[in-house]
Protein backbone atom coordinates (compact mmCIF):
# COMPACT_ATOMS: atom_id res chain seq x y z
CA MET A 1 0.00 0.00 0.00
CA GLU A 2 1.42 3.36 -1.01
CA GLN A 3 1.88 5.93 1.71
CA ASN A 4 -0.03 9.17 1.26
CA LYS A 5 2.45 12.06 0.98
CA ILE A 6 1.61 15.27 2.78
CA LEU A 7 2.16 18.58 1.06
CA LEU A 8 5.19 20.74 1.66
CA SER A 9 4.82 23.77 3.88
CA GLN A 10 5.00 27.19 2.25
CA SER A 11 8.49 27.87 3.61
CA GLU A 12 9.73 24.51 2.24
CA ILE A 13 8.22 25.32 -1.17
CA ASP A 14 9.83 28.79 -1.13
CA THR A 15 13.23 27.31 -0.23
CA LEU A 16 12.93 24.69 -2.97
CA LEU A 17 11.87 27.25 -5.58
CA ALA A 18 14.74 29.58 -4.64
CA PHE A 19 17.21 26.72 -5.00
CA LEU A 20 15.75 25.61 -8.35
CA GLN A 21 15.76 29.17 -9.72
CA ASN A 22 19.46 29.48 -8.87
CA LYS A 23 20.12 26.18 -10.66
CA LYS A 24 17.53 26.47 -13.43
CA GLU A 25 19.98 25.76 -16.28
CA ASN A 26 20.66 22.33 -14.73
CA VAL A 27 17.04 21.40 -13.97
CA THR A 28 15.40 19.14 -16.54
CA ALA A 29 12.15 17.18 -16.61
CA ASP A 30 13.85 14.05 -15.26
CA VAL A 31 15.02 15.96 -12.17
CA LEU A 32 11.49 16.71 -11.03
CA ASP A 33 9.61 13.56 -11.94
CA GLN A 34 7.13 12.19 -9.39
CA GLU A 35 9.57 9.60 -8.01
CA ASN A 36 12.16 12.29 -7.22
CA ILE A 37 9.55 14.60 -5.72
CA ASP A 38 8.45 11.73 -3.44
CA LYS A 39 12.07 11.16 -2.41
CA LEU A 40 12.45 14.86 -1.63
CA ILE A 41 9.31 14.83 0.51
CA PHE A 42 10.58 11.73 2.33
CA LEU A 43 13.92 13.43 3.03
CA LEU A 44 12.22 16.54 4.33
CA GLN A 45 9.89 14.54 6.58
CA SER A 46 12.43 12.08 7.92
CA SER A 47 15.54 12.40 10.02
CA GLU A 48 16.50 8.77 9.29
CA LYS A 49 19.37 9.21 6.84
CA GLN A 50 20.29 5.53 7.18
CA LYS A 51 17.31 4.64 4.99
CA LEU A 52 18.70 6.71 2.12
CA ARG A 53 20.77 4.34 -0.03
CA PHE A 54 22.89 5.06 -3.07
CA ASP A 55 22.84 1.53 -4.40
CA SER A 56 19.20 1.35 -5.43
CA VAL A 57 20.07 0.60 -9.07
CA ILE A 58 22.00 -2.52 -8.05
CA PRO A 59 19.69 -5.41 -7.17
CA ALA A 60 20.10 -6.99 -3.75
CA ILE A 61 20.76 -10.67 -3.29
CA ASN A 62 18.71 -11.65 -0.28
CA LEU A 63 18.46 -15.41 -0.54
CA PRO A 64 21.25 -17.43 1.08
CA GLY A 65 23.17 -19.37 -1.56
CA SER A 66 21.55 -17.48 -4.43
CA TYR A 67 23.48 -17.24 -7.67
CA PRO A 68 25.35 -14.07 -8.59
CA PHE A 69 23.86 -11.92 -11.27
CA ILE A 70 27.17 -11.83 -13.10
CA ILE A 71 29.26 -14.91 -13.84
CA LEU A 72 32.53 -13.77 -15.36
CA ASP A 73 33.56 -16.85 -17.30
CA SER A 74 31.09 -19.34 -18.71
CA SER A 75 33.52 -22.18 -18.02
CA GLU A 76 33.51 -21.33 -14.30
CA ASP A 77 30.72 -21.91 -11.85
CA MET A 78 29.72 -19.80 -8.88
CA ASN A 79 31.80 -21.75 -6.36
CA SER A 80 35.03 -21.49 -8.35
CA GLN A 81 34.41 -17.78 -9.03
CA LYS A 82 33.83 -17.22 -5.32
CA LYS A 83 36.96 -19.18 -4.38
CA ASN A 84 39.38 -17.97 -7.08
CA CYS A 85 38.48 -14.33 -7.75
CA ILE A 86 39.22 -11.12 -5.87
CA LEU A 87 37.85 -7.63 -6.49
CA THR A 88 40.26 -4.71 -6.71
CA CYS A 89 40.11 -1.06 -7.58
CA ILE A 90 42.77 1.09 -9.26
CA LYS A 91 43.09 4.65 -10.41
CA THR A 92 44.10 4.99 -14.07
CA ASP A 93 46.62 7.48 -15.47
CA ASP A 94 43.73 9.83 -16.33
CA HIS A 95 42.49 9.66 -12.68
CA LEU A 96 39.48 7.48 -13.42
CA ILE A 97 38.49 4.49 -11.32
CA SER A 98 38.68 0.97 -12.73
CA ILE A 99 37.14 -1.95 -10.88
CA LEU A 100 38.88 -5.21 -11.69
CA CYS A 101 38.06 -8.78 -10.78
CA THR A 102 41.07 -11.06 -11.00
CA ASN A 103 40.90 -14.82 -11.21
CA GLN A 104 43.95 -15.67 -9.12
CA LYS A 105 44.07 -19.24 -10.43
CA SER A 106 44.04 -18.45 -14.16
CA GLY A 107 45.44 -14.91 -13.98
CA THR A 108 42.52 -13.54 -16.05
CA VAL A 109 41.59 -9.94 -15.22
CA TYR A 110 38.03 -8.76 -15.86
CA ASN A 111 37.27 -5.04 -16.11
CA ILE A 112 33.92 -4.58 -14.33
CA THR A 113 32.16 -1.60 -15.91
CA PRO A 114 28.82 0.06 -15.19
CA SER A 115 27.51 -1.57 -18.39
CA CYS A 116 28.20 -5.01 -16.92
CA LEU A 117 25.93 -4.18 -13.99
CA GLU A 118 23.21 -2.68 -16.18
CA LYS A 119 23.14 -5.73 -18.47
CA ARG A 120 23.69 -8.24 -15.61
CA GLN A 121 26.42 -10.03 -17.57
CA TYR A 122 30.12 -9.65 -18.16
CA PHE A 123 31.36 -8.32 -21.46
CA SER A 124 34.43 -6.31 -22.35
CA ASP A 125 33.31 -2.69 -22.68
CA THR A 126 35.87 0.08 -22.90
CA GLU A 127 33.30 2.86 -23.35
CA SER A 128 31.56 2.52 -19.98
CA MET A 129 33.50 4.23 -17.15
CA TRP A 130 33.03 4.70 -13.40
CA GLY A 131 34.36 8.25 -13.25
CA THR A 132 36.69 9.57 -10.56
CA ALA A 133 35.06 7.88 -7.55
CA VAL A 134 32.78 5.00 -6.63
CA PRO A 135 30.68 5.05 -3.44
CA PRO A 136 31.92 2.33 -1.08
CA ILE A 137 28.41 0.87 -0.89
CA VAL A 138 28.36 0.39 -4.68
CA PHE A 139 31.79 -1.27 -4.63
CA ASP A 140 30.55 -3.65 -1.94
CA GLN A 141 27.39 -4.45 -3.90
CA ILE A 142 29.50 -5.29 -6.96
CA ALA A 143 31.35 -7.83 -4.81
CA THR A 144 27.99 -9.25 -3.72
CA LEU A 145 26.73 -9.51 -7.32
CA LEU A 146 29.91 -11.32 -8.33
CA GLN A 147 30.03 -13.21 -5.02
CA VAL A 148 33.73 -12.42 -4.62
CA GLN A 149 35.68 -10.74 -1.83
CA TYR A 150 38.07 -7.78 -1.60
CA THR A 151 40.85 -6.86 0.80
CA LYS A 152 40.79 -4.29 3.57
CA GLU A 153 43.42 -2.29 1.67
CA THR A 154 41.22 -2.20 -1.44
CA TYR A 155 38.21 -1.08 0.60
CA GLN A 156 40.28 1.68 2.25
CA PHE A 157 41.49 2.80 -1.19
CA VAL A 158 37.88 3.01 -2.46
CA CYS A 159 36.89 5.04 0.64
CA GLN A 160 39.88 7.39 0.32
CA CYS A 161 39.25 8.05 -3.39
CA PHE A 162 35.57 8.69 -2.72
CA ALA A 163 36.25 11.02 0.23
CA GLU A 164 38.89 12.91 -1.77
CA ILE A 165 36.52 13.57 -4.68
CA ILE A 166 33.32 14.19 -2.72
CA PHE A 167 34.64 15.89 0.43
CA ARG A 168 38.05 17.15 -0.85
CA ASP A 169 39.78 15.28 2.00
CA SER A 170 40.84 11.65 1.63
CA HIS A 171 40.57 11.20 5.41
CA ALA A 172 37.10 12.76 5.79
CA VAL A 173 34.46 10.76 7.63
CA ILE A 174 32.11 9.33 5.03
CA PRO A 175 28.40 9.49 6.01
CA SER A 176 26.84 6.13 6.80
CA TYR A 177 24.49 6.15 3.80
CA TYR A 178 27.52 5.79 1.50
CA ILE A 179 28.93 2.88 3.54
CA PRO A 180 27.90 -0.79 3.24
CA LEU A 181 26.09 -2.42 6.11
CA GLU A 182 28.34 -4.24 8.61
CA ALA A 183 26.95 -7.67 7.69
CA SER A 184 27.85 -7.10 4.05
CA LEU A 185 31.35 -5.92 4.95
CA LEU A 186 31.92 -9.00 7.09
CA LYS A 187 30.83 -11.24 4.23
CA ASN A 188 32.77 -9.49 1.46
CA LEU A 189 36.04 -8.57 3.22
CA ARG A 190 38.73 -11.18 2.72
CA PRO A 191 40.16 -12.37 6.06
């Protein structure tokens, strides 16, 4: 059952309109669709920032033992992918992030791009790029989709790159809504 949204107060509407008028060259129809208006109302009504997630595009795997959405090599099965592969992150010469999944047994390196996630399958795609930072929660969800792990050093690197780009300080405290849940970290961090 859908929750009935209450209207914004006049001062909230005035504040929103002032902001949009200052940014009117960047506001398009997709910015103010009904879904985004509902999200805005939710944010204004709620003080629970933990419910705001930045991984909503990536599907969650909730069933224990469920198959990953992306199998890297058709000759491998889920168990061998889980056992042999590790997720890493590097910064390229042009300061862009690359997420790589390396099969430590065969030495094969797979470049995991946003297109791989959108299409729910692995394919080599040099056009699709992550940009200069990836939210830690998205990096963790990629590990979950592939059902592989990453090291503490890799996770710290992802966090530092993200904090540097978003907060201009690689040691800034990242708000909890950008961070994976503890249970997911425990599952995906390699001991």
